[in-house]
C-alpha atoms as a PDB file:
ATOM      1  CA  UNK A   1     -87.366-102.965-117.194  1.00  0.00           C
ATOM      2  CA  UNK A   2     -85.922-103.429-120.276  1.00  0.00           C
ATOM      3  CA  UNK A   3     -83.438-100.543-121.005  1.00  0.00           C
ATOM      4  CA  UNK A   4     -81.190-101.037-124.482  1.00  0.00           C
ATOM      5  CA  UNK A   5     -78.104 -99.127-124.101  1.00  0.00           C
ATOM      6  CA  UNK A   6     -74.348 -99.114-123.651  1.00  0.00           C
ATOM      7  CA  UNK A   7     -73.768 -98.461-120.431  1.00  0.00           C
ATOM      8  CA  UNK A   8     -69.589 -97.099-118.898  1.00  0.00           C
ATOM      9  CA  UNK A   9     -69.207 -98.748-115.608  1.00  0.00           C
ATOM     10  CA  UNK A  10     -66.043 -97.096-113.770  1.00  0.00           C
ATOM     11  CA  UNK A  11     -65.234 -98.913-110.671  1.00  0.00           C
ATOM     12  CA  UNK A  12     -66.069-102.445-112.003  1.00  0.00           C
ATOM     13  CA  UNK A  13     -64.289-104.322-109.710  1.00  0.00           C
ATOM     14  CA  UNK A  14     -65.680-102.832-106.010  1.00  0.00           C
ATOM     15  CA  UNK A  15     -68.741-103.648-104.946  1.00  0.00           C
ATOM     16  CA  UNK A  16     -70.916-101.447-105.802  1.00  0.00           C
ATOM     17  CA  UNK A  17     -69.796-101.624-109.054  1.00  0.00           C
ATOM     18  CA  UNK A  18     -70.111-105.267-109.811  1.00  0.00           C
ATOM     19  CA  UNK A  19     -73.902-105.002-108.917  1.00  0.00           C
ATOM     20  CA  UNK A  20     -74.442-102.428-111.299  1.00  0.00           C
ATOM     21  CA  UNK A  21     -73.225-104.770-113.813  1.00  0.00           C
ATOM     22  CA  UNK A  22     -75.080-108.166-112.795  1.00  0.00           C
ATOM     23  CA  UNK A  23     -78.127-105.990-113.074  1.00  0.00           C
ATOM     24  CA  UNK A  24     -76.955-104.364-116.147  1.00  0.00           C
ATOM     25  CA  UNK A  25     -76.495-107.243-118.069  1.00  0.00           C
ATOM     26  CA  UNK A  26     -79.674-108.964-116.898  1.00  0.00           C
ATOM     27  CA  UNK A  27     -81.161-105.898-118.109  1.00  0.00           C
ATOM     28  CA  UNK A  28     -79.993-106.393-121.437  1.00  0.00           C
ATOM     29  CA  UNK A  29     -77.934-103.096-121.441  1.00  0.00           C
ATOM     30  CA  UNK A  30     -74.448-103.997-123.118  1.00  0.00           C
ATOM     31  CA  UNK A  31     -71.432-102.528-120.772  1.00  0.00           C
ATOM     32  CA  UNK A  32     -68.131-101.158-120.947  1.00  0.00           C
ATOM     33  CA  UNK A  33     -66.330-101.733-117.351  1.00  0.00           C
ATOM     34  CA  UNK A  34     -63.612-100.450-116.208  1.00  0.00           C
ATOM     35  CA  UNK A  35     -61.165-100.670-113.836  1.00  0.00           C
ATOM     36  CA  UNK A  36     -57.370-100.539-112.308  1.00  0.00           C
ATOM     37  CA  UNK A  37     -57.946-103.887-110.997  1.00  0.00           C
ATOM     38  CA  UNK A  38     -58.498-106.956-113.403  1.00  0.00           C
ATOM     39  CA  UNK A  39     -61.954-107.409-114.040  1.00  0.00           C
ATOM     40  CA  UNK A  40     -62.844-111.261-114.528  1.00  0.00           C
ATOM     41  CA  UNK A  41     -64.412-112.600-116.833  1.00  0.00           C
ATOM     42  CA  UNK A  42     -64.014-113.052-120.854  1.00  0.00           C
ATOM     43  CA  UNK A  43     -65.000-110.158-123.478  1.00  0.00           C
ATOM     44  CA  UNK A  44     -68.367-110.854-125.888  1.00  0.00           C
ATOM     45  CA  UNK A  45     -70.456-108.266-127.774  1.00  0.00           C
ATOM     46  CA  UNK A  46     -72.252-107.656-124.900  1.00  0.00           C
ATOM     47  CA  UNK A  47     -69.165-106.537-122.523  1.00  0.00           C
ATOM     48  CA  UNK A  48     -66.195-105.044-122.697  1.00  0.00           C
ATOM     49  CA  UNK A  49     -63.830-105.097-119.559  1.00  0.00           C
ATOM     50  CA  UNK A  50     -60.885-102.325-120.060  1.00  0.00           C
ATOM     51  CA  UNK A  51     -58.067-102.238-117.131  1.00  0.00           C
ATOM     52  CA  UNK A  52     -57.175 -98.336-116.602  1.00  0.00           C
ATOM     53  CA  UNK A  53     -56.960 -95.299-114.300  1.00  0.00           C
ATOM     54  CA  UNK A  54     -60.188 -92.731-114.907  1.00  0.00           C
ATOM     55  CA  UNK A  55     -58.112 -91.045-112.939  1.00  0.00           C
ATOM     56  CA  UNK A  56     -55.989 -89.590-114.877  1.00  0.00           C
ATOM     57  CA  UNK A  57     -57.029 -88.553-118.416  1.00  0.00           C
ATOM     58  CA  UNK A  58     -55.401 -91.321-120.393  1.00  0.00           C
ATOM     59  CA  UNK A  59     -57.297 -93.878-118.860  1.00  0.00           C
ATOM     60  CA  UNK A  60     -60.285 -92.409-119.634  1.00  0.00           C
ATOM     61  CA  UNK A  61     -59.473 -91.574-123.582  1.00  0.00           C
ATOM     62  CA  UNK A  62     -58.597 -95.497-123.552  1.00  0.00           C
ATOM     63  CA  UNK A  63     -61.825 -96.790-121.928  1.00  0.00           C
ATOM     64  CA  UNK A  64     -63.772 -94.370-124.300  1.00  0.00           C
ATOM     65  CA  UNK A  65     -62.138 -95.498-127.581  1.00  0.00           C
ATOM     66  CA  UNK A  66     -61.465 -99.024-126.494  1.00  0.00           C
ATOM     67  CA  UNK A  67     -65.890 -98.762-126.302  1.00  0.00           C
ATOM     68  CA  UNK A  68     -65.842 -97.396-129.951  1.00  0.00           C
ATOM     69  CA  UNK A  69     -63.809-100.036-131.366  1.00  0.00           C
ATOM     70  CA  UNK A  70     -65.500-103.069-129.595  1.00  0.00           C
ATOM     71  CA  UNK A  71     -69.339-101.604-129.121  1.00  0.00           C
ATOM     72  CA  UNK A  72     -69.270 -99.284-132.791  1.00  0.00           C
ATOM     73  CA  UNK A  73     -70.532 -96.317-130.730  1.00  0.00           C
ATOM     74  CA  UNK A  74     -69.612 -94.483-127.582  1.00  0.00           C
ATOM     75  CA  UNK A  75     -71.981 -95.149-124.491  1.00  0.00           C
ATOM     76  CA  UNK A  76     -74.559 -93.827-124.062  1.00  0.00           C
ATOM     77  CA  UNK A  77     -74.741 -94.162-119.797  1.00  0.00           C
ATOM     78  CA  UNK A  78     -72.744 -93.781-117.755  1.00  0.00           C
ATOM     79  CA  UNK A  79     -72.453 -95.278-114.021  1.00  0.00           C
ATOM     80  CA  UNK A  80     -69.897 -93.542-112.260  1.00  0.00           C
ATOM     81  CA  UNK A  81     -69.032 -96.136-109.023  1.00  0.00           C
ATOM     82  CA  UNK A  82     -65.561 -94.770-108.114  1.00  0.00           C
ATOM     83  CA  UNK A  83     -64.910 -93.847-104.460  1.00  0.00           C
ATOM     84  CA  UNK A  84     -63.303 -94.173-101.712  1.00  0.00           C
ATOM     85  CA  UNK A  85     -63.843 -93.102 -97.795  1.00  0.00           C
ATOM     86  CA  UNK A  86     -61.341 -92.074 -95.132  1.00  0.00           C
ATOM     87  CA  UNK A  87     -62.869 -91.154 -92.005  1.00  0.00           C
ATOM     88  CA  UNK A  88     -60.697 -88.546 -88.667  1.00  0.00           C
ATOM     89  CA  UNK A  89     -61.318 -85.621 -87.290  1.00  0.00           C
ATOM     90  CA  UNK A  90     -60.288 -82.808 -89.121  1.00  0.00           C
ATOM     91  CA  UNK A  91     -57.578 -82.044 -87.180  1.00  0.00           C
ATOM     92  CA  UNK A  92     -55.859 -85.206 -87.948  1.00  0.00           C
ATOM     93  CA  UNK A  93     -56.477 -85.290 -91.492  1.00  0.00           C
ATOM     94  CA  UNK A  94     -53.128 -84.428 -93.076  1.00  0.00           C
ATOM     95  CA  UNK A  95     -53.028 -82.422 -96.486  1.00  0.00           C
ATOM     96  CA  UNK A  96     -52.051 -85.807 -98.515  1.00  0.00           C
ATOM     97  CA  UNK A  97     -55.047 -87.359 -96.481  1.00  0.00           C
ATOM     98  CA  UNK A  98     -57.370 -84.696 -98.022  1.00  0.00           C
ATOM     99  CA  UNK A  99     -56.148 -84.715-101.503  1.00  0.00           C
ATOM    100  CA  UNK A 100     -56.707 -88.544-101.976  1.00  0.00           C
ATOM    101  CA  UNK A 101     -60.301 -87.696-101.079  1.00  0.00           C
ATOM    102  CA  UNK A 102     -61.083 -85.167-103.688  1.00  0.00           C
ATOM    103  CA  UNK A 103     -58.800 -86.727-105.844  1.00  0.00           C
ATOM    104  CA  UNK A 104     -60.508 -90.251-105.844  1.00  0.00           C
ATOM    105  CA  UNK A 105     -64.324 -88.566-105.572  1.00  0.00           C
ATOM    106  CA  UNK A 106     -64.431 -85.460-106.782  1.00  0.00           C
ATOM    107  CA  UNK A 107     -61.485 -85.691-109.229  1.00  0.00           C
ATOM    108  CA  UNK A 108     -62.274 -88.830-110.358  1.00  0.00           C
ATOM    109  CA  UNK A 109     -66.245 -87.650-111.013  1.00  0.00           C
ATOM    110  CA  UNK A 110     -65.144 -85.121-112.687  1.00  0.00           C
ATOM    111  CA  UNK A 111     -62.810 -87.188-115.463  1.00  0.00           C
ATOM    112  CA  UNK A 112     -65.254 -89.790-116.099  1.00  0.00           C
ATOM    113  CA  UNK A 113     -68.130 -87.252-116.921  1.00  0.00           C
ATOM    114  CA  UNK A 114     -65.904 -84.372-118.938  1.00  0.00           C
ATOM    115  CA  UNK A 115     -65.026 -87.445-121.442  1.00  0.00           C
ATOM    116  CA  UNK A 116     -68.817 -89.074-120.989  1.00  0.00           C
ATOM    117  CA  UNK A 117     -70.138 -85.411-121.911  1.00  0.00           C
ATOM    118  CA  UNK A 118     -67.523 -85.152-125.101  1.00  0.00           C
ATOM    119  CA  UNK A 119     -68.245 -88.468-126.099  1.00  0.00           C
ATOM    120  CA  UNK A 120     -71.881 -88.071-127.131  1.00  0.00           C
ATOM    121  CA  UNK A 121     -72.904 -85.314-129.011  1.00  0.00           C
ATOM    122  CA  UNK A 122     -76.761 -85.430-128.376  1.00  0.00           C
ATOM    123  CA  UNK A 123     -78.651 -87.261-125.156  1.00  0.00           C
ATOM    124  CA  UNK A 124     -77.380 -90.077-122.459  1.00  0.00           C
ATOM    125  CA  UNK A 125     -77.606 -89.502-118.954  1.00  0.00           C
ATOM    126  CA  UNK A 126     -74.760 -90.068-115.911  1.00  0.00           C
ATOM    127  CA  UNK A 127     -74.900 -90.738-112.577  1.00  0.00           C
ATOM    128  CA  UNK A 128     -72.885 -89.722-109.889  1.00  0.00           C
ATOM    129  CA  UNK A 129     -72.667 -91.084-105.958  1.00  0.00           C
ATOM    130  CA  UNK A 130     -72.671 -88.976-103.322  1.00  0.00           C
ATOM    131  CA  UNK A 131     -72.652 -89.732 -99.440  1.00  0.00           C
ATOM    132  CA  UNK A 132     -75.274 -88.896 -96.535  1.00  0.00           C
ATOM    133  CA  UNK A 133     -71.712 -87.217 -95.054  1.00  0.00           C
ATOM    134  CA  UNK A 134     -72.054 -84.662 -97.488  1.00  0.00           C
ATOM    135  CA  UNK A 135     -75.758 -83.609 -96.369  1.00  0.00           C
ATOM    136  CA  UNK A 136     -75.901 -84.227 -92.846  1.00  0.00           C
ATOM    137  CA  UNK A 137     -72.394 -83.311 -90.226  1.00  0.00           C
ATOM    138  CA  UNK A 138     -71.221 -86.118 -88.578  1.00  0.00           C
ATOM    139  CA  UNK A 139     -67.604 -86.793 -86.740  1.00  0.00           C
ATOM    140  CA  UNK A 140     -64.824 -87.529 -88.358  1.00  0.00           C
ATOM    141  CA  UNK A 141     -65.905 -87.094 -92.313  1.00  0.00           C
ATOM    142  CA  UNK A 142     -64.332 -83.681 -93.092  1.00  0.00           C
ATOM    143  CA  UNK A 143     -62.693 -85.072 -95.751  1.00  0.00           C
ATOM    144  CA  UNK A 144     -65.161 -87.209 -97.684  1.00  0.00           C
ATOM    145  CA  UNK A 145     -67.957 -85.123 -96.890  1.00  0.00           C
ATOM    146  CA  UNK A 146     -65.911 -82.218 -98.781  1.00  0.00           C
ATOM    147  CA  UNK A 147     -64.937 -84.098-101.821  1.00  0.00           C
ATOM    148  CA  UNK A 148     -68.750 -85.966-101.717  1.00  0.00           C
ATOM    149  CA  UNK A 149     -70.627 -81.704-101.542  1.00  0.00           C
ATOM    150  CA  UNK A 150     -67.584 -81.198-104.412  1.00  0.00           C
ATOM    151  CA  UNK A 151     -69.344 -84.251-106.204  1.00  0.00           C
ATOM    152  CA  UNK A 152     -73.136 -82.821-105.813  1.00  0.00           C
ATOM    153  CA  UNK A 153     -72.369 -79.458-106.613  1.00  0.00           C
ATOM    154  CA  UNK A 154     -70.737 -81.345-110.084  1.00  0.00           C
ATOM    155  CA  UNK A 155     -73.749 -82.761-110.476  1.00  0.00           C
ATOM    156  CA  UNK A 156     -76.156 -79.458-110.667  1.00  0.00           C
ATOM    157  CA  UNK A 157     -73.642 -77.467-112.577  1.00  0.00           C
ATOM    158  CA  UNK A 158     -73.260 -80.324-115.321  1.00  0.00           C
ATOM    159  CA  UNK A 159     -76.450 -80.442-115.638  1.00  0.00           C
ATOM    160  CA  UNK A 160     -76.756 -76.552-116.794  1.00  0.00           C
ATOM    161  CA  UNK A 161     -74.374 -77.200-118.775  1.00  0.00           C
ATOM    162  CA  UNK A 162     -75.418 -80.086-120.867  1.00  0.00           C
ATOM    163  CA  UNK A 163     -79.665 -79.592-120.532  1.00  0.00           C
ATOM    164  CA  UNK A 164     -79.081 -79.069-124.013  1.00  0.00           C
ATOM    165  CA  UNK A 165     -77.925 -81.566-125.588  1.00  0.00           C
ATOM    166  CA  UNK A 166     -80.157 -83.426-123.713  1.00  0.00           C
ATOM    167  CA  UNK A 167     -78.072 -85.234-121.298  1.00  0.00           C
ATOM    168  CA  UNK A 168     -79.267 -86.291-118.014  1.00  0.00           C
ATOM    169  CA  UNK A 169     -76.542 -85.397-114.704  1.00  0.00           C
ATOM    170  CA  UNK A 170     -77.605 -86.832-111.433  1.00  0.00           C
ATOM    171  CA  UNK A 171     -76.710 -89.168-108.826  1.00  0.00           C
ATOM    172  CA  UNK A 172     -77.532 -90.783-105.429  1.00  0.00           C
ATOM    173  CA  UNK A 173     -76.155 -89.889-102.295  1.00  0.00           C
ATOM    174  CA  UNK A 174     -75.556 -93.108-100.031  1.00  0.00           C
ATOM    175  CA  UNK A 175     -75.801 -94.215 -96.463  1.00  0.00           C
ATOM    176  CA  UNK A 176     -73.884 -96.774 -95.653  1.00  0.00           C
ATOM    177  CA  UNK A 177     -73.537-100.484 -97.987  1.00  0.00           C
ATOM    178  CA  UNK A 178     -72.098-103.724 -97.503  1.00  0.00           C
ATOM    179  CA  UNK A 179     -69.478-104.053 -99.860  1.00  0.00           C
ATOM    180  CA  UNK A 180     -65.707-105.035 -98.805  1.00  0.00           C
ATOM    181  CA  UNK A 181     -64.973-101.461 -99.121  1.00  0.00           C
ATOM    182  CA  UNK A 182     -66.966-100.870 -95.430  1.00  0.00           C
ATOM    183  CA  UNK A 183     -66.807-104.203 -94.267  1.00  0.00           C
ATOM    184  CA  UNK A 184     -64.427-102.604 -91.672  1.00  0.00           C
ATOM    185  CA  UNK A 185     -66.459 -99.815 -90.054  1.00  0.00           C
ATOM    186  CA  UNK A 186     -68.998-103.133 -89.954  1.00  0.00           C
ATOM    187  CA  UNK A 187     -66.113-105.692 -88.353  1.00  0.00           C
ATOM    188  CA  UNK A 188     -67.759-107.639 -85.721  1.00  0.00           C
ATOM    189  CA  UNK A 189     -71.909-107.278 -84.006  1.00  0.00           C
ATOM    190  CA  UNK A 190     -70.869-104.656 -81.779  1.00  0.00           C
ATOM    191  CA  UNK A 191     -69.864-102.530 -84.265  1.00  0.00           C
ATOM    192  CA  UNK A 192     -72.471-103.197 -86.646  1.00  0.00           C
ATOM    193  CA  UNK A 193     -74.931-102.631 -83.831  1.00  0.00           C
ATOM    194  CA  UNK A 194     -73.625 -99.565 -83.361  1.00  0.00           C
ATOM    195  CA  UNK A 195     -73.558 -98.449 -86.807  1.00  0.00           C
ATOM    196  CA  UNK A 196     -77.633 -99.847 -87.950  1.00  0.00           C
ATOM    197  CA  UNK A 197     -79.282 -98.050 -84.228  1.00  0.00           C
ATOM    198  CA  UNK A 198     -78.391 -95.011 -86.523  1.00  0.00           C
ATOM    199  CA  UNK A 199     -80.230 -96.082 -89.432  1.00  0.00           C
ATOM    200  CA  UNK A 200     -84.331 -95.500 -88.783  1.00  0.00           C
ATOM    201  CA  UNK A 201     -85.033 -98.991 -91.185  1.00  0.00           C
ATOM    202  CA  UNK A 202     -82.438-101.065 -89.081  1.00  0.00           C
ATOM    203  CA  UNK A 203     -79.857-101.403 -91.422  1.00  0.00           C
ATOM    204  CA  UNK A 204     -77.281-100.753 -93.437  1.00  0.00           C
ATOM    205  CA  UNK A 205     -78.419-101.344 -97.778  1.00  0.00           C
ATOM    206  CA  UNK A 206     -77.053-103.773-100.116  1.00  0.00           C
ATOM    207  CA  UNK A 207     -74.967-102.982-103.212  1.00  0.00           C
ATOM    208  CA  UNK A 208     -77.892-105.197-104.991  1.00  0.00           C
ATOM    209  CA  UNK A 209     -79.938-101.849-103.646  1.00  0.00           C
ATOM    210  CA  UNK A 210     -77.400 -99.031-104.665  1.00  0.00           C
ATOM    211  CA  UNK A 211     -77.835-101.015-108.207  1.00  0.00           C
ATOM    212  CA  UNK A 212     -81.656-101.025-108.611  1.00  0.00           C
ATOM    213  CA  UNK A 213     -81.500 -97.178-107.824  1.00  0.00           C
ATOM    214  CA  UNK A 214     -78.589 -96.323-110.063  1.00  0.00           C
ATOM    215  CA  UNK A 215     -79.796 -98.548-113.349  1.00  0.00           C
ATOM    216  CA  UNK A 216     -83.779 -96.817-112.820  1.00  0.00           C
ATOM    217  CA  UNK A 217     -82.437 -93.246-112.738  1.00  0.00           C
ATOM    218  CA  UNK A 218     -80.223 -93.989-115.211  1.00  0.00           C
ATOM    219  CA  UNK A 219     -83.255 -95.065-117.564  1.00  0.00           C
ATOM    220  CA  UNK A 220     -85.855 -93.783-119.775  1.00  0.00           C
ATOM    221  CA  UNK A 221     -88.090 -94.355-117.062  1.00  0.00           C
ATOM    222  CA  UNK A 222     -86.455 -91.029-115.916  1.00  0.00           C
ATOM    223  CA  UNK A 223     -85.933 -89.196-118.843  1.00  0.00           C
ATOM    224  CA  UNK A 224     -87.062 -85.331-117.158  1.00  0.00           C
ATOM    225  CA  UNK A 225     -84.969 -85.970-114.149  1.00  0.00           C
ATOM    226  CA  UNK A 226     -81.815 -84.315-113.956  1.00  0.00           C
ATOM    227  CA  UNK A 227     -79.674 -82.362-111.805  1.00  0.00           C
ATOM    228  CA  UNK A 228     -80.910 -83.757-108.472  1.00  0.00           C
ATOM    229  CA  UNK A 229     -79.682 -85.830-105.408  1.00  0.00           C
ATOM    230  CA  UNK A 230     -80.988 -89.023-104.667  1.00  0.00           C
ATOM    231  CA  UNK A 231     -80.717 -90.361-101.433  1.00  0.00           C
ATOM    232  CA  UNK A 232     -80.540 -93.543-100.864  1.00  0.00           C
ATOM    233  CA  UNK A 233     -79.573 -93.799 -96.526  1.00  0.00           C
ATOM    234  CA  UNK A 234     -82.680 -95.806 -95.527  1.00  0.00           C
ATOM    235  CA  UNK A 235     -84.445 -92.488 -93.483  1.00  0.00           C
ATOM    236  CA  UNK A 236     -80.536 -91.360 -92.908  1.00  0.00           C
ATOM    237  CA  UNK A 237     -81.030 -87.849 -93.680  1.00  0.00           C
ATOM    238  CA  UNK A 238     -84.367 -87.173 -93.399  1.00  0.00           C
ATOM    239  CA  UNK A 239     -85.269 -89.332 -90.254  1.00  0.00           C
ATOM    240  CA  UNK A 240     -84.851 -89.796 -86.367  1.00  0.00           C
ATOM    241  CA  UNK A 241     -84.689 -93.637 -85.411  1.00  0.00           C
ATOM    242  CA  UNK A 242     -87.075 -94.295 -82.615  1.00  0.00           C
ATOM    243  CA  UNK A 243     -84.143 -94.910 -79.655  1.00  0.00           C
ATOM    244  CA  UNK A 244     -85.915 -97.567 -77.604  1.00  0.00           C
END
């Protein structure tokens, strides 16, 4: 898929962010890579790395101003890969943990999307990330489920606001995906078997699969899709696995 343009990838040092960046470059897209952590590589005409926090207004402004200076224009695509997962039952979730999940998942999405929309006068697409936890009740997910539910509501409301400017806003709702952030959930063979047994396709997802879905939904091939939440979860939210 050859989709020209500039894609702003937040959380670009994470597992999914790195996969999105690799595939975007292979498809010929220029990349604005942003992370709080240092991003390996060298800047060139196709790629710019910015170390700043998208969870702050200053961090968003820094990234967009750097893109204009480097590429001569703002990004026309946003892939917001920032997020966090902290598990715990409702009664064992502190207010600090609750607020941390809301900030990492919902507030960063709001700030990135608001900055992206302000930089684009017309035309473009943005992708946020939700979770199966926002779509089907699962134990020990109260804080992250609420935060991702806020992301889904933001997608629909922002899509309505921005449709007259032909800015498309969508999200992927992910099942468990193999990344450094989720390594603790499948730390040994026993835990991996317990987790994968919940997925009808018998395995968890890969970052490369998520990247492919993300860039497809951002692409011009999906030019008539907005305000949608697409589950990419191995069937978790739609069907039950066969129990043997």
